[in-house]
Amino acid sequence: MPLIKYIDANGTEYAVEAAPGISVMEAAVKNSVPGIDGDCGGAAACATCHVYVDPEWIGRTGPAAEGLEQSMLEFAEDVTDQSRLACQIIVADNLDGLILKLPEKQH
């Protein structure tokens, strides 16, 4: 199973093995990673799973999709070019080692 690394704003790392096919938000919530709320359950309707994709990985995850994902990111704080909604990144074997940084707050 791919290993996903979540790094909180203080630099604490949480490594999670995630099954291919689920979102990185689901993997975080199932493994109690603090800082990923996922209030909408993964419907891209709340932006409480905002993450920053490490620049070395943005080529594999891609940027935020136009439309719904970009619209929801307008509700997040401190959005950058590496911002994504974790519910929109689906775990796949080619994401083994993915590094995601978490914002200071989700609201």
N, C-alpha and C. Protein backbone atom coordinates (compact mmCIF):
# COMPACT_ATOMS: atom_id res chain seq x y z
N MET A 1 0.84 -1.19 0.00
CA MET A 1 0.00 0.00 0.00
C MET A 1 0.89 1.25 0.00
N PRO A 2 0.47 2.27 -0.74
CA PRO A 2 1.25 3.51 -0.77
C PRO A 2 1.31 4.17 0.60
N LEU A 3 2.45 4.79 0.88
CA LEU A 3 2.66 5.52 2.11
C LEU A 3 2.46 7.00 1.82
N ILE A 4 1.58 7.65 2.57
CA ILE A 4 1.32 9.08 2.43
C ILE A 4 1.84 9.76 3.69
N LYS A 5 2.60 10.84 3.52
CA LYS A 5 3.15 11.58 4.65
C LYS A 5 2.45 12.93 4.77
N TYR A 6 1.88 13.17 5.94
CA TYR A 6 1.22 14.42 6.25
C TYR A 6 2.11 15.15 7.25
N ILE A 7 2.42 16.40 6.99
CA ILE A 7 3.26 17.18 7.89
C ILE A 7 2.46 18.38 8.36
N ASP A 8 2.25 18.46 9.68
CA ASP A 8 1.46 19.57 10.20
C ASP A 8 2.27 20.86 10.24
N ALA A 9 1.62 21.96 10.58
CA ALA A 9 2.25 23.28 10.56
C ALA A 9 3.43 23.38 11.53
N ASN A 10 3.50 22.49 12.52
CA ASN A 10 4.61 22.49 13.48
C ASN A 10 5.74 21.57 13.05
N GLY A 11 5.57 20.87 11.93
CA GLY A 11 6.61 19.98 11.43
C GLY A 11 6.48 18.53 11.85
N THR A 12 5.43 18.21 12.60
CA THR A 12 5.22 16.81 13.00
C THR A 12 4.71 16.02 11.80
N GLU A 13 5.33 14.87 11.58
CA GLU A 13 4.98 14.04 10.44
C GLU A 13 4.11 12.86 10.86
N TYR A 14 3.11 12.59 10.07
CA TYR A 14 2.22 11.44 10.26
C TYR A 14 2.29 10.61 8.98
N ALA A 15 2.77 9.40 9.09
CA ALA A 15 2.88 8.51 7.93
C ALA A 15 1.74 7.51 7.98
N VAL A 16 1.03 7.38 6.88
CA VAL A 16 -0.16 6.54 6.80
C VAL A 16 -0.07 5.65 5.56
N GLU A 17 -0.27 4.35 5.74
CA GLU A 17 -0.41 3.46 4.60
C GLU A 17 -1.86 3.54 4.16
N ALA A 18 -2.06 3.81 2.87
CA ALA A 18 -3.41 4.03 2.36
C ALA A 18 -3.71 3.08 1.20
N ALA A 19 -4.90 2.57 1.20
CA ALA A 19 -5.33 1.67 0.14
C ALA A 19 -5.58 2.45 -1.15
N PRO A 20 -5.08 1.95 -2.27
CA PRO A 20 -5.39 2.60 -3.55
C PRO A 20 -6.90 2.70 -3.75
N GLY A 21 -7.32 3.83 -4.32
CA GLY A 21 -8.74 4.02 -4.61
C GLY A 21 -9.46 4.92 -3.63
N ILE A 22 -8.90 5.11 -2.41
CA ILE A 22 -9.54 6.05 -1.49
C ILE A 22 -8.84 7.40 -1.62
N SER A 23 -9.45 8.43 -1.09
CA SER A 23 -8.83 9.75 -1.15
C SER A 23 -7.81 9.90 -0.02
N VAL A 24 -6.88 10.82 -0.20
CA VAL A 24 -5.91 11.04 0.87
C VAL A 24 -6.59 11.67 2.08
N MET A 25 -7.75 12.32 1.88
CA MET A 25 -8.54 12.82 3.01
C MET A 25 -9.10 11.64 3.81
N GLU A 26 -9.67 10.64 3.13
CA GLU A 26 -10.20 9.47 3.82
C GLU A 26 -9.10 8.75 4.61
N ALA A 27 -7.94 8.62 4.00
CA ALA A 27 -6.81 7.96 4.68
C ALA A 27 -6.43 8.73 5.94
N ALA A 28 -6.42 10.04 5.87
CA ALA A 28 -6.07 10.86 7.04
C ALA A 28 -7.12 10.72 8.14
N VAL A 29 -8.38 10.82 7.77
CA VAL A 29 -9.46 10.74 8.77
C VAL A 29 -9.48 9.36 9.42
N LYS A 30 -9.35 8.30 8.63
CA LYS A 30 -9.37 6.93 9.17
C LYS A 30 -8.20 6.67 10.12
N ASN A 31 -7.12 7.43 9.93
CA ASN A 31 -5.93 7.25 10.76
C ASN A 31 -5.73 8.38 11.76
N SER A 32 -6.76 9.16 11.98
CA SER A 32 -6.78 10.24 12.99
C SER A 32 -5.63 11.24 12.83
N VAL A 33 -5.33 11.60 11.59
CA VAL A 33 -4.32 12.63 11.36
C VAL A 33 -4.94 13.97 11.74
N PRO A 34 -4.36 14.66 12.74
CA PRO A 34 -4.93 15.94 13.14
C PRO A 34 -4.73 17.00 12.06
N GLY A 35 -5.74 17.84 11.88
CA GLY A 35 -5.64 18.92 10.91
C GLY A 35 -6.37 18.65 9.60
N ILE A 36 -6.84 17.44 9.41
CA ILE A 36 -7.68 17.11 8.26
C ILE A 36 -9.06 16.81 8.81
N ASP A 37 -9.98 17.77 8.61
CA ASP A 37 -11.32 17.61 9.18
C ASP A 37 -12.25 16.83 8.26
N GLY A 38 -12.30 17.20 7.00
CA GLY A 38 -13.18 16.50 6.05
C GLY A 38 -14.63 16.58 6.47
N ASP A 39 -15.08 17.76 6.88
CA ASP A 39 -16.45 17.93 7.40
C ASP A 39 -17.54 17.48 6.43
N CYS A 40 -17.30 17.61 5.12
CA CYS A 40 -18.34 17.26 4.15
C CYS A 40 -18.28 15.79 3.74
N GLY A 41 -17.31 15.05 4.27
CA GLY A 41 -17.20 13.64 3.97
C GLY A 41 -16.57 13.33 2.62
N GLY A 42 -15.99 14.33 2.00
CA GLY A 42 -15.30 14.09 0.73
C GLY A 42 -16.06 14.56 -0.50
N ALA A 43 -17.06 15.40 -0.32
CA ALA A 43 -17.87 15.87 -1.44
C ALA A 43 -17.34 17.16 -2.06
N ALA A 44 -16.15 17.60 -1.64
CA ALA A 44 -15.56 18.86 -2.13
C ALA A 44 -16.51 20.03 -1.89
N ALA A 45 -17.12 20.03 -0.70
CA ALA A 45 -18.11 21.05 -0.39
C ALA A 45 -17.78 21.86 0.87
N CYS A 46 -16.53 21.75 1.37
CA CYS A 46 -16.25 22.49 2.60
C CYS A 46 -14.83 23.05 2.73
N ALA A 47 -13.87 22.51 2.04
CA ALA A 47 -12.46 22.96 2.09
C ALA A 47 -11.79 22.72 3.44
N THR A 48 -12.31 21.79 4.25
CA THR A 48 -11.67 21.49 5.54
C THR A 48 -10.66 20.36 5.42
N CYS A 49 -10.27 20.06 4.20
CA CYS A 49 -9.20 19.08 3.96
C CYS A 49 -8.12 19.71 3.08
N HIS A 50 -8.00 21.02 3.17
CA HIS A 50 -7.01 21.77 2.40
C HIS A 50 -5.61 21.29 2.76
N VAL A 51 -4.81 20.98 1.76
CA VAL A 51 -3.42 20.57 1.96
C VAL A 51 -2.55 21.28 0.92
N TYR A 52 -1.25 21.29 1.19
CA TYR A 52 -0.27 21.77 0.23
C TYR A 52 0.50 20.55 -0.26
N VAL A 53 0.46 20.30 -1.56
CA VAL A 53 1.21 19.19 -2.14
C VAL A 53 2.66 19.64 -2.27
N ASP A 54 3.57 18.81 -1.78
CA ASP A 54 4.98 19.11 -1.91
C ASP A 54 5.29 19.35 -3.38
N PRO A 55 6.08 20.42 -3.69
CA PRO A 55 6.35 20.74 -5.09
C PRO A 55 6.88 19.58 -5.92
N GLU A 56 7.62 18.67 -5.32
CA GLU A 56 8.13 17.52 -6.08
C GLU A 56 7.03 16.55 -6.50
N TRP A 57 5.85 16.65 -5.89
CA TRP A 57 4.76 15.73 -6.15
C TRP A 57 3.63 16.34 -6.97
N ILE A 58 3.63 17.66 -7.17
CA ILE A 58 2.50 18.30 -7.85
C ILE A 58 2.34 17.77 -9.28
N GLY A 59 3.43 17.33 -9.90
CA GLY A 59 3.33 16.76 -11.24
C GLY A 59 2.53 15.47 -11.27
N ARG A 60 2.54 14.72 -10.18
CA ARG A 60 1.78 13.46 -10.13
C ARG A 60 0.34 13.68 -9.68
N THR A 61 0.14 14.61 -8.76
CA THR A 61 -1.23 14.85 -8.29
C THR A 61 -1.97 15.81 -9.20
N GLY A 62 -1.22 16.68 -9.87
CA GLY A 62 -1.82 17.73 -10.68
C GLY A 62 -2.26 18.89 -9.82
N PRO A 63 -2.51 20.03 -10.43
CA PRO A 63 -3.01 21.18 -9.69
C PRO A 63 -4.50 21.01 -9.38
N ALA A 64 -5.03 21.92 -8.61
CA ALA A 64 -6.46 21.88 -8.30
C ALA A 64 -7.27 21.92 -9.58
N ALA A 65 -8.27 21.07 -9.65
CA ALA A 65 -9.12 21.00 -10.84
C ALA A 65 -9.96 22.27 -10.96
N GLU A 66 -10.13 22.71 -12.20
CA GLU A 66 -11.00 23.86 -12.43
C GLU A 66 -12.42 23.50 -12.05
N GLY A 67 -13.16 24.49 -11.65
CA GLY A 67 -14.55 24.27 -11.27
C GLY A 67 -14.71 24.10 -9.78
N LEU A 68 -15.30 23.00 -9.36
CA LEU A 68 -15.67 22.79 -7.97
C LEU A 68 -14.48 22.89 -7.01
N GLU A 69 -13.38 22.20 -7.30
CA GLU A 69 -12.25 22.22 -6.37
C GLU A 69 -11.68 23.62 -6.23
N GLN A 70 -11.46 24.31 -7.34
CA GLN A 70 -10.93 25.67 -7.25
C GLN A 70 -11.91 26.60 -6.54
N SER A 71 -13.19 26.42 -6.78
CA SER A 71 -14.20 27.25 -6.11
C SER A 71 -14.17 27.04 -4.60
N MET A 72 -14.04 25.79 -4.17
CA MET A 72 -14.02 25.51 -2.73
C MET A 72 -12.74 26.04 -2.09
N LEU A 73 -11.64 26.03 -2.81
CA LEU A 73 -10.39 26.55 -2.25
C LEU A 73 -10.48 28.04 -1.97
N GLU A 74 -11.42 28.73 -2.61
CA GLU A 74 -11.62 30.15 -2.31
C GLU A 74 -12.05 30.36 -0.86
N PHE A 75 -12.58 29.33 -0.23
CA PHE A 75 -13.01 29.42 1.17
C PHE A 75 -11.88 29.07 2.14
N ALA A 76 -10.80 28.53 1.62
CA ALA A 76 -9.65 28.15 2.46
C ALA A 76 -8.74 29.37 2.66
N GLU A 77 -7.94 29.31 3.72
CA GLU A 77 -6.99 30.38 4.00
C GLU A 77 -5.62 30.03 3.43
N ASP A 78 -4.87 31.04 3.05
CA ASP A 78 -3.48 30.88 2.61
C ASP A 78 -3.33 29.89 1.46
N VAL A 79 -4.16 30.03 0.45
CA VAL A 79 -4.10 29.16 -0.72
C VAL A 79 -2.87 29.52 -1.57
N THR A 80 -2.20 28.49 -2.08
CA THR A 80 -1.04 28.67 -2.95
C THR A 80 -1.23 27.82 -4.22
N ASP A 81 -0.24 27.84 -5.09
CA ASP A 81 -0.29 27.01 -6.30
C ASP A 81 -0.24 25.52 -5.97
N GLN A 82 0.25 25.18 -4.77
CA GLN A 82 0.32 23.78 -4.35
C GLN A 82 -0.92 23.34 -3.56
N SER A 83 -1.90 24.22 -3.39
CA SER A 83 -3.10 23.89 -2.63
C SER A 83 -3.98 22.91 -3.38
N ARG A 84 -4.47 21.94 -2.65
CA ARG A 84 -5.44 20.96 -3.16
C ARG A 84 -6.40 20.62 -2.03
N LEU A 85 -7.55 20.10 -2.40
CA LEU A 85 -8.44 19.49 -1.43
C LEU A 85 -8.05 18.02 -1.37
N ALA A 86 -7.74 17.54 -0.18
CA ALA A 86 -7.28 16.15 -0.03
C ALA A 86 -8.34 15.15 -0.48
N CYS A 87 -9.60 15.55 -0.45
CA CYS A 87 -10.66 14.63 -0.90
C CYS A 87 -10.64 14.43 -2.40
N GLN A 88 -9.90 15.26 -3.11
CA GLN A 88 -9.85 15.17 -4.57
C GLN A 88 -8.58 14.49 -5.08
N ILE A 89 -7.73 14.06 -4.16
CA ILE A 89 -6.52 13.33 -4.55
C ILE A 89 -6.75 11.86 -4.21
N ILE A 90 -6.79 11.03 -5.22
CA ILE A 90 -7.07 9.61 -5.01
C ILE A 90 -5.75 8.85 -4.91
N VAL A 91 -5.65 8.02 -3.88
CA VAL A 91 -4.44 7.23 -3.65
C VAL A 91 -4.26 6.24 -4.80
N ALA A 92 -3.02 6.21 -5.31
CA ALA A 92 -2.64 5.26 -6.35
C ALA A 92 -1.21 4.83 -6.07
N ASP A 93 -0.80 3.73 -6.66
CA ASP A 93 0.55 3.22 -6.42
C ASP A 93 1.63 4.24 -6.76
N ASN A 94 1.40 5.08 -7.76
CA ASN A 94 2.42 6.07 -8.14
C ASN A 94 2.52 7.23 -7.14
N LEU A 95 1.68 7.23 -6.11
CA LEU A 95 1.75 8.27 -5.06
C LEU A 95 2.44 7.77 -3.80
N ASP A 96 3.07 6.60 -3.88
CA ASP A 96 3.80 6.07 -2.73
C ASP A 96 4.89 7.06 -2.32
N GLY A 97 4.82 7.56 -1.09
CA GLY A 97 5.78 8.54 -0.59
C GLY A 97 5.29 9.98 -0.70
N LEU A 98 4.06 10.18 -1.18
CA LEU A 98 3.49 11.52 -1.33
C LEU A 98 3.63 12.32 -0.03
N ILE A 99 4.06 13.57 -0.18
CA ILE A 99 4.22 14.46 0.98
C ILE A 99 3.20 15.59 0.88
N LEU A 100 2.38 15.72 1.92
CA LEU A 100 1.38 16.77 2.00
C LEU A 100 1.62 17.59 3.26
N LYS A 101 1.62 18.90 3.11
CA LYS A 101 1.77 19.78 4.26
C LYS A 101 0.41 20.35 4.61
N LEU A 102 0.17 20.48 5.90
CA LEU A 102 -1.13 20.95 6.37
C LEU A 102 -1.05 22.43 6.76
N PRO A 103 -2.10 23.17 6.50
CA PRO A 103 -2.11 24.58 6.91
C PRO A 103 -2.26 24.69 8.42
N GLU A 104 -2.00 25.87 8.95
CA GLU A 104 -2.15 26.08 10.40
C GLU A 104 -3.54 25.81 10.87
N LYS A 105 -4.53 26.21 10.05
CA LYS A 105 -5.93 25.95 10.42
C LYS A 105 -6.75 25.72 9.17
N GLN A 106 -7.87 25.05 9.33
CA GLN A 106 -8.71 24.70 8.21
C GLN A 106 -9.91 25.64 8.07
N HIS A 107 -10.14 26.48 9.04
CA HIS A 107 -11.35 27.33 8.97
C HIS A 107 -10.98 28.78 8.89
